[in-house]
PDB file of N, CA and C in Angstrom:
ATOM      1  N   MET A   1     164.082 246.265 116.695  1.00  0.00           N
ATOM      2  CA  MET A   1     163.812 247.745 116.929  1.00  0.00           C
ATOM      3  C   MET A   1     163.766 248.612 116.085  1.00  0.00           C
ATOM      4  N   ALA A   2     163.407 249.935 116.994  1.00  0.00           N
ATOM      5  CA  ALA A   2     163.085 250.779 115.682  1.00  0.00           C
ATOM      6  C   ALA A   2     164.833 251.557 115.115  1.00  0.00           C
ATOM      7  N   GLY A   3     165.494 251.633 116.152  1.00  0.00           N
ATOM      8  CA  GLY A   3     166.925 252.466 116.365  1.00  0.00           C
ATOM      9  C   GLY A   3     166.675 252.945 117.278  1.00  0.00           C
ATOM     10  N   TRP A   4     167.539 253.894 117.172  1.00  0.00           N
ATOM     11  CA  TRP A   4     167.641 254.953 118.478  1.00  0.00           C
ATOM     12  C   TRP A   4     167.253 256.588 118.293  1.00  0.00           C
ATOM     13  N   LYS A   5     166.516 257.237 119.392  1.00  0.00           N
ATOM     14  CA  LYS A   5     166.409 258.512 118.729  1.00  0.00           C
ATOM     15  C   LYS A   5     166.916 259.234 120.238  1.00  0.00           C
ATOM     16  N   GLU A   6     166.971 260.652 119.640  1.00  0.00           N
ATOM     17  CA  GLU A   6     167.603 261.351 120.441  1.00  0.00           C
ATOM     18  C   GLU A   6     166.563 262.778 120.572  1.00  0.00           C
ATOM     19  N   TRP A   7     165.865 263.293 121.371  1.00  0.00           N
ATOM     20  CA  TRP A   7     164.678 264.367 121.151  1.00  0.00           C
ATOM     21  C   TRP A   7     165.332 265.805 121.903  1.00  0.00           C
ATOM     22  N   ALA A   8     164.912 266.333 121.019  1.00  0.00           N
ATOM     23  CA  ALA A   8     165.411 267.863 122.127  1.00  0.00           C
ATOM     24  C   ALA A   8     165.105 268.200 123.088  1.00  0.00           C
ATOM     25  N   ILE A   9     165.454 268.722 124.000  1.00  0.00           N
ATOM     26  CA  ILE A   9     164.526 269.735 124.522  1.00  0.00           C
ATOM     27  C   ILE A   9     163.256 270.135 124.373  1.00  0.00           C
ATOM     28  N   GLY A  10     161.689 269.779 125.301  1.00  0.00           N
ATOM     29  CA  GLY A  10     160.559 270.493 124.685  1.00  0.00           C
ATOM     30  C   GLY A  10     160.097 269.579 123.256  1.00  0.00           C
ATOM     31  N   GLU A  11     161.156 268.877 122.619  1.00  0.00           N
ATOM     32  CA  GLU A  11     160.004 268.106 121.706  1.00  0.00           C
ATOM     33  C   GLU A  11     158.835 266.921 122.220  1.00  0.00           C
ATOM     34  N   VAL A  12     158.108 267.170 121.229  1.00  0.00           N
ATOM     35  CA  VAL A  12     156.738 266.342 122.040  1.00  0.00           C
ATOM     36  C   VAL A  12     157.300 264.719 121.553  1.00  0.00           C
ATOM     37  N   VAL A  13     157.041 263.594 123.179  1.00  0.00           N
ATOM     38  CA  VAL A  13     157.293 262.461 122.498  1.00  0.00           C
ATOM     39  C   VAL A  13     155.984 261.740 122.255  1.00  0.00           C
ATOM     40  N   GLU A  14     155.995 261.237 121.244  1.00  0.00           N
ATOM     41  CA  GLU A  14     154.537 260.590 120.450  1.00  0.00           C
ATOM     42  C   GLU A  14     154.097 259.634 120.978  1.00  0.00           C
ATOM     43  N   ALA A  15     152.892 258.730 121.199  1.00  0.00           N
ATOM     44  CA  ALA A  15     152.546 257.653 121.490  1.00  0.00           C
ATOM     45  C   ALA A  15     153.453 256.469 121.160  1.00  0.00           C
ATOM     46  N   GLY A  16     153.543 256.804 119.684  1.00  0.00           N
ATOM     47  CA  GLY A  16     154.087 255.831 118.834  1.00  0.00           C
ATOM     48  C   GLY A  16     155.990 255.686 119.158  1.00  0.00           C
ATOM     49  N   ASP A  17     155.876 256.322 119.610  1.00  0.00           N
ATOM     50  CA  ASP A  17     157.370 256.319 120.026  1.00  0.00           C
ATOM     51  C   ASP A  17     157.973 255.616 121.696  1.00  0.00           C
ATOM     52  N   MET A  18     156.941 255.202 122.204  1.00  0.00           N
ATOM     53  CA  MET A  18     157.131 254.386 123.300  1.00  0.00           C
ATOM     54  C   MET A  18     157.381 253.171 122.823  1.00  0.00           C
ATOM     55  N   GLN A  19     156.852 252.062 122.539  1.00  0.00           N
ATOM     56  CA  GLN A  19     157.194 250.709 122.087  1.00  0.00           C
ATOM     57  C   GLN A  19     158.465 250.782 121.339  1.00  0.00           C
ATOM     58  N   SER A  20     158.635 252.128 120.206  1.00  0.00           N
ATOM     59  CA  SER A  20     159.473 252.055 119.430  1.00  0.00           C
ATOM     60  C   SER A  20     161.247 252.619 119.626  1.00  0.00           C
ATOM     61  N   TYR A  21     160.662 252.955 120.503  1.00  0.00           N
ATOM     62  CA  TYR A  21     162.201 253.774 121.099  1.00  0.00           C
ATOM     63  C   TYR A  21     162.598 253.523 122.733  1.00  0.00           C
ATOM     64  N   ILE A  22     161.447 254.317 123.484  1.00  0.00           N
ATOM     65  CA  ILE A  22     161.691 254.533 124.695  1.00  0.00           C
ATOM     66  C   ILE A  22     161.707 252.697 125.705  1.00  0.00           C
ATOM     67  N   GLN A  23     160.927 252.289 125.681  1.00  0.00           N
ATOM     68  CA  GLN A  23     160.647 250.691 126.253  1.00  0.00           C
ATOM     69  C   GLN A  23     162.199 250.245 125.838  1.00  0.00           C
ATOM     70  N   ASP A  24     162.396 250.043 124.618  1.00  0.00           N
ATOM     71  CA  ASP A  24     163.292 249.169 123.988  1.00  0.00           C
ATOM     72  C   ASP A  24     164.590 249.668 124.144  1.00  0.00           C
ATOM     73  N   GLN A  25     164.699 250.892 124.869  1.00  0.00           N
ATOM     74  CA  GLN A  25     165.920 251.666 125.486  1.00  0.00           C
ATOM     75  C   GLN A  25     166.200 251.826 126.497  1.00  0.00           C
ATOM     76  N   THR A  26     165.025 251.001 127.647  1.00  0.00           N
ATOM     77  CA  THR A  26     165.279 250.919 129.031  1.00  0.00           C
ATOM     78  C   THR A  26     165.659 249.597 129.296  1.00  0.00           C
ATOM     79  N   VAL A  27     166.426 250.033 130.933  1.00  0.00           N
ATOM     80  CA  VAL A  27     166.378 247.933 131.573  1.00  0.00           C
ATOM     81  C   VAL A  27     165.046 248.542 132.631  1.00  0.00           C
ATOM     82  N   MET A  28     163.916 247.545 132.055  1.00  0.00           N
ATOM     83  CA  MET A  28     162.844 247.217 133.160  1.00  0.00           C
ATOM     84  C   MET A  28     163.270 246.214 133.467  1.00  0.00           C
ATOM     85  N   VAL A  29     162.337 246.537 135.290  1.00  0.00           N
ATOM     86  CA  VAL A  29     162.461 245.984 136.255  1.00  0.00           C
ATOM     87  C   VAL A  29     161.454 244.611 136.215  1.00  0.00           C
ATOM     88  N   PHE A  30     161.290 243.359 137.025  1.00  0.00           N
ATOM     89  CA  PHE A  30     160.358 242.761 137.143  1.00  0.00           C
ATOM     90  C   PHE A  30     160.926 241.823 138.282  1.00  0.00           C
ATOM     91  N   ALA A  31     159.805 241.493 139.188  1.00  0.00           N
ATOM     92  CA  ALA A  31     160.373 240.435 140.448  1.00  0.00           C
ATOM     93  C   ALA A  31     160.742 239.245 139.528  1.00  0.00           C
ATOM     94  N   THR A  32     159.815 238.628 138.831  1.00  0.00           N
ATOM     95  CA  THR A  32     159.876 237.220 138.672  1.00  0.00           C
ATOM     96  C   THR A  32     159.951 237.224 136.898  1.00  0.00           C
ATOM     97  N   ALA A  33     160.064 236.054 136.239  1.00  0.00           N
ATOM     98  CA  ALA A  33     160.681 235.984 134.731  1.00  0.00           C
ATOM     99  C   ALA A  33     159.188 235.874 134.617  1.00  0.00           C
ATOM    100  N   ALA A  34     158.060 235.208 135.284  1.00  0.00           N
ATOM    101  CA  ALA A  34     156.390 235.123 135.022  1.00  0.00           C
ATOM    102  C   ALA A  34     155.901 236.757 134.883  1.00  0.00           C
ATOM    103  N   ALA A  35     156.627 237.331 136.161  1.00  0.00           N
ATOM    104  CA  ALA A  35     155.928 238.679 135.949  1.00  0.00           C
ATOM    105  C   ALA A  35     156.216 239.389 134.939  1.00  0.00           C
ATOM    106  N   ARG A  36     157.432 238.975 134.276  1.00  0.00           N
ATOM    107  CA  ARG A  36     158.106 239.763 132.885  1.00  0.00           C
ATOM    108  C   ARG A  36     157.041 239.029 131.671  1.00  0.00           C
ATOM    109  N   SER A  37     156.787 237.911 131.933  1.00  0.00           N
ATOM    110  CA  SER A  37     156.267 237.251 130.557  1.00  0.00           C
ATOM    111  C   SER A  37     154.994 237.606 130.746  1.00  0.00           C
ATOM    112  N   THR A  38     154.201 238.356 132.129  1.00  0.00           N
ATOM    113  CA  THR A  38     152.829 238.278 132.400  1.00  0.00           C
ATOM    114  C   THR A  38     152.846 240.349 131.507  1.00  0.00           C
ATOM    115  N   ALA A  39     153.925 240.862 131.689  1.00  0.00           N
ATOM    116  CA  ALA A  39     153.398 242.031 131.931  1.00  0.00           C
ATOM    117  C   ALA A  39     154.180 242.633 129.966  1.00  0.00           C
ATOM    118  N   LEU A  40     154.745 241.763 129.620  1.00  0.00           N
ATOM    119  CA  LEU A  40     155.565 242.369 127.829  1.00  0.00           C
ATOM    120  C   LEU A  40     154.536 241.309 127.122  1.00  0.00           C
ATOM    121  N   GLY A  41     154.194 239.932 127.445  1.00  0.00           N
ATOM    122  CA  GLY A  41     152.955 239.061 126.745  1.00  0.00           C
ATOM    123  C   GLY A  41     154.368 238.795 125.492  1.00  0.00           C
ATOM    124  N   THR A  42     153.721 239.064 124.046  1.00  0.00           N
ATOM    125  CA  THR A  42     154.552 239.111 123.020  1.00  0.00           C
ATOM    126  C   THR A  42     155.078 240.151 122.275  1.00  0.00           C
ATOM    127  N   ALA A  43     155.239 241.494 123.564  1.00  0.00           N
ATOM    128  CA  ALA A  43     155.642 242.662 122.540  1.00  0.00           C
ATOM    129  C   ALA A  43     157.268 242.976 123.371  1.00  0.00           C
ATOM    130  N   VAL A  44     158.187 241.683 122.945  1.00  0.00           N
ATOM    131  CA  VAL A  44     159.621 241.800 122.852  1.00  0.00           C
ATOM    132  C   VAL A  44     160.101 241.649 121.762  1.00  0.00           C
ATOM    133  N   THR A  45     161.108 242.784 122.031  1.00  0.00           N
ATOM    134  CA  THR A  45     162.395 243.076 120.430  1.00  0.00           C
ATOM    135  C   THR A  45     163.702 242.102 121.072  1.00  0.00           C
ATOM    136  N   GLU A  46     164.445 241.582 119.974  1.00  0.00           N
ATOM    137  CA  GLU A  46     165.970 241.513 120.192  1.00  0.00           C
ATOM    138  C   GLU A  46     166.454 242.472 120.497  1.00  0.00           C
ATOM    139  N   GLY A  47     167.381 242.670 121.657  1.00  0.00           N
ATOM    140  CA  GLY A  47     167.696 243.452 122.379  1.00  0.00           C
ATOM    141  C   GLY A  47     167.215 244.590 123.273  1.00  0.00           C
ATOM    142  N   MET A  48     165.983 244.020 123.464  1.00  0.00           N
ATOM    143  CA  MET A  48     165.399 244.788 124.836  1.00  0.00           C
ATOM    144  C   MET A  48     166.303 243.607 126.660  1.00  0.00           C
ATOM    145  N   VAL A  49     166.697 244.526 127.441  1.00  0.00           N
ATOM    146  CA  VAL A  49     167.312 244.242 128.873  1.00  0.00           C
ATOM    147  C   VAL A  49     166.349 244.235 129.860  1.00  0.00           C
ATOM    148  N   THR A  50     166.147 243.141 130.634  1.00  0.00           N
ATOM    149  CA  THR A  50     165.476 243.176 131.471  1.00  0.00           C
ATOM    150  C   THR A  50     166.153 243.238 133.084  1.00  0.00           C
ATOM    151  N   TYR A  51     166.097 243.445 134.408  1.00  0.00           N
ATOM    152  CA  TYR A  51     166.058 243.323 135.459  1.00  0.00           C
ATOM    153  C   TYR A  51     165.795 242.576 136.092  1.00  0.00           C
ATOM    154  N   ARG A  52     165.528 241.159 137.124  1.00  0.00           N
ATOM    155  CA  ARG A  52     164.928 240.255 137.790  1.00  0.00           C
ATOM    156  C   ARG A  52     165.563 240.316 139.042  1.00  0.00           C
ATOM    157  N   THR A  53     164.621 240.794 140.007  1.00  0.00           N
ATOM    158  CA  THR A  53     164.863 241.171 141.294  1.00  0.00           C
ATOM    159  C   THR A  53     164.920 239.701 142.342  1.00  0.00           C
ATOM    160  N   ASP A  54     164.321 238.401 141.464  1.00  0.00           N
ATOM    161  CA  ASP A  54     164.381 237.919 142.602  1.00  0.00           C
ATOM    162  C   ASP A  54     165.430 236.940 142.650  1.00  0.00           C
ATOM    163  N   GLY A  55     166.473 237.189 141.786  1.00  0.00           N
ATOM    164  CA  GLY A  55     168.098 236.367 141.477  1.00  0.00           C
ATOM    165  C   GLY A  55     168.884 237.380 141.063  1.00  0.00           C
ATOM    166  N   GLY A  56     168.857 238.763 140.877  1.00  0.00           N
ATOM    167  CA  GLY A  56     169.726 239.201 140.512  1.00  0.00           C
ATOM    168  C   GLY A  56     169.920 239.132 139.341  1.00  0.00           C
ATOM    169  N   LEU A  57     169.406 239.289 138.498  1.00  0.00           N
ATOM    170  CA  LEU A  57     169.246 238.597 136.930  1.00  0.00           C
ATOM    171  C   LEU A  57     169.081 239.676 136.158  1.00  0.00           C
ATOM    172  N   LEU A  58     170.355 239.873 135.050  1.00  0.00           N
ATOM    173  CA  LEU A  58     170.753 241.290 133.985  1.00  0.00           C
ATOM    174  C   LEU A  58     170.519 239.921 132.912  1.00  0.00           C
ATOM    175  N   GLU A  59     169.178 240.195 132.169  1.00  0.00           N
ATOM    176  CA  GLU A  59     168.858 239.390 131.049  1.00  0.00           C
ATOM    177  C   GLU A  59     168.508 240.397 129.590  1.00  0.00           C
ATOM    178  N   PHE A  60     169.181 239.698 128.672  1.00  0.00           N
ATOM    179  CA  PHE A  60     168.255 240.431 127.452  1.00  0.00           C
ATOM    180  C   PHE A  60     167.924 239.518 126.250  1.00  0.00           C
ATOM    181  N   TYR A  61     166.936 240.327 125.846  1.00  0.00           N
ATOM    182  CA  TYR A  61     166.540 239.432 124.359  1.00  0.00           C
ATOM    183  C   TYR A  61     166.450 239.112 123.404  1.00  0.00           C
ATOM    184  N   ASN A  62     167.187 237.593 123.261  1.00  0.00           N
ATOM    185  CA  ASN A  62     168.321 237.575 122.170  1.00  0.00           C
ATOM    186  C   ASN A  62     167.218 237.154 120.485  1.00  0.00           C
ATOM    187  N   GLY A  63     166.331 237.710 121.045  1.00  0.00           N
ATOM    188  CA  GLY A  63     165.102 237.155 119.518  1.00  0.00           C
ATOM    189  C   GLY A  63     164.728 236.220 119.728  1.00  0.00           C
ATOM    190  N   SER A  64     164.860 235.325 120.133  1.00  0.00           N
ATOM    191  CA  SER A  64     163.963 233.812 120.568  1.00  0.00           C
ATOM    192  C   SER A  64     163.897 233.625 122.402  1.00  0.00           C
ATOM    193  N   ALA A  65     165.003 234.636 123.088  1.00  0.00           N
ATOM    194  CA  ALA A  65     165.082 233.766 124.392  1.00  0.00           C
ATOM    195  C   ALA A  65     165.345 234.297 125.865  1.00  0.00           C
ATOM    196  N   TRP A  66     165.392 235.030 126.888  1.00  0.00           N
ATOM    197  CA  TRP A  66     165.452 235.857 127.608  1.00  0.00           C
ATOM    198  C   TRP A  66     167.022 235.432 128.049  1.00  0.00           C
ATOM    199  N   THR A  67     168.173 235.709 127.882  1.00  0.00           N
ATOM    200  CA  THR A  67     169.260 235.293 128.015  1.00  0.00           C
ATOM    201  C   THR A  67     170.220 235.905 129.294  1.00  0.00           C
ATOM    202  N   SER A  68     170.403 235.507 130.038  1.00  0.00           N
ATOM    203  CA  SER A  68     171.399 236.171 131.477  1.00  0.00           C
ATOM    204  C   SER A  68     173.372 236.917 130.412  1.00  0.00           C
ATOM    205  N   VAL A  69     173.084 238.035 131.225  1.00  0.00           N
ATOM    206  CA  VAL A  69     174.100 238.863 130.559  1.00  0.00           C
ATOM    207  C   VAL A  69     175.338 238.135 131.331  1.00  0.00           C
ATOM    208  N   ALA A  70     175.204 238.002 132.021  1.00  0.00           N
ATOM    209  CA  ALA A  70     176.428 237.054 132.880  1.00  0.00           C
ATOM    210  C   ALA A  70     175.857 235.960 132.877  1.00  0.00           C
ATOM    211  N   ALA A  71     177.554 235.113 133.673  1.00  0.00           N
ATOM    212  CA  ALA A  71     176.994 233.502 133.406  1.00  0.00           C
ATOM    213  C   ALA A  71     176.191 233.793 135.206  1.00  0.00           C
ATOM    214  N   GLU A  72     176.893 233.790 135.867  1.00  0.00           N
ATOM    215  CA  GLU A  72     176.044 234.350 137.562  1.00  0.00           C
ATOM    216  C   GLU A  72     175.687 235.762 137.938  1.00  0.00           C
ATOM    217  N   PRO A  73     174.919 235.701 138.668  1.00  0.00           N
ATOM    218  CA  PRO A  73     174.920 236.996 139.334  1.00  0.00           C
ATOM    219  C   PRO A  73     176.026 237.642 139.843  1.00  0.00           C
ATOM    220  N   THR A  74     176.188 238.647 139.779  1.00  0.00           N
ATOM    221  CA  THR A  74     177.455 239.190 140.377  1.00  0.00           C
ATOM    222  C   THR A  74     177.214 240.458 141.354  1.00  0.00           C
ATOM    223  N   SER A  75     178.202 240.533 142.875  1.00  0.00           N
ATOM    224  CA  SER A  75     177.379 241.264 143.501  1.00  0.00           C
ATOM    225  C   SER A  75     177.201 242.742 143.264  1.00  0.00           C
ATOM    226  N   ALA A  76     177.474 243.103 142.133  1.00  0.00           N
ATOM    227  CA  ALA A  76     177.008 243.828 141.555  1.00  0.00           C
ATOM    228  C   ALA A  76     175.655 244.257 141.205  1.00  0.00           C
ATOM    229  N   PHE A  77     174.770 243.336 140.669  1.00  0.00           N
ATOM    230  CA  PHE A  77     173.962 243.118 140.162  1.00  0.00           C
ATOM    231  C   PHE A  77     173.064 243.003 141.480  1.00  0.00           C
ATOM    232  N   LEU A  78     173.590 241.853 142.621  1.00  0.00           N
ATOM    233  CA  LEU A  78     171.865 241.917 143.558  1.00  0.00           C
ATOM    234  C   LEU A  78     171.989 243.011 144.613  1.00  0.00           C
ATOM    235  N   LEU A  79     173.411 243.933 144.660  1.00  0.00           N
ATOM    236  CA  LEU A  79     172.999 245.239 145.208  1.00  0.00           C
ATOM    237  C   LEU A  79     171.959 246.381 144.720  1.00  0.00           C
ATOM    238  N   MET A  80     172.298 246.088 143.171  1.00  0.00           N
ATOM    239  CA  MET A  80     170.796 246.847 143.131  1.00  0.00           C
ATOM    240  C   MET A  80     169.649 246.524 142.783  1.00  0.00           C
ATOM    241  N   GLY A  81     169.204 245.192 143.774  1.00  0.00           N
ATOM    242  CA  GLY A  81     167.813 244.489 143.489  1.00  0.00           C
ATOM    243  C   GLY A  81     167.522 244.739 144.913  1.00  0.00           C
ATOM    244  N   ALA A  82     169.006 244.796 146.179  1.00  0.00           N
ATOM    245  CA  ALA A  82     168.347 245.165 147.563  1.00  0.00           C
ATOM    246  C   ALA A  82     167.763 245.984 148.005  1.00  0.00           C
TER     247      ALA A  82
END
């Protein structure tokens, strides 16, 4: 991950910033782990965060695998996917 970047009002966001900053600084939503794998392929970096609607799972990429943020889905996570 390239780090953190804050843009000024009116500043142009360059195409290279999409992967280096914007994509890695969002919580991406996917229906399933398979849908996430299809969409992202190998373009994953340590620290990325996703939300899976199939089980209300908030997960992060630890550099080698997707790992749940919580041991079990909580009602707060389940409500977000409803």
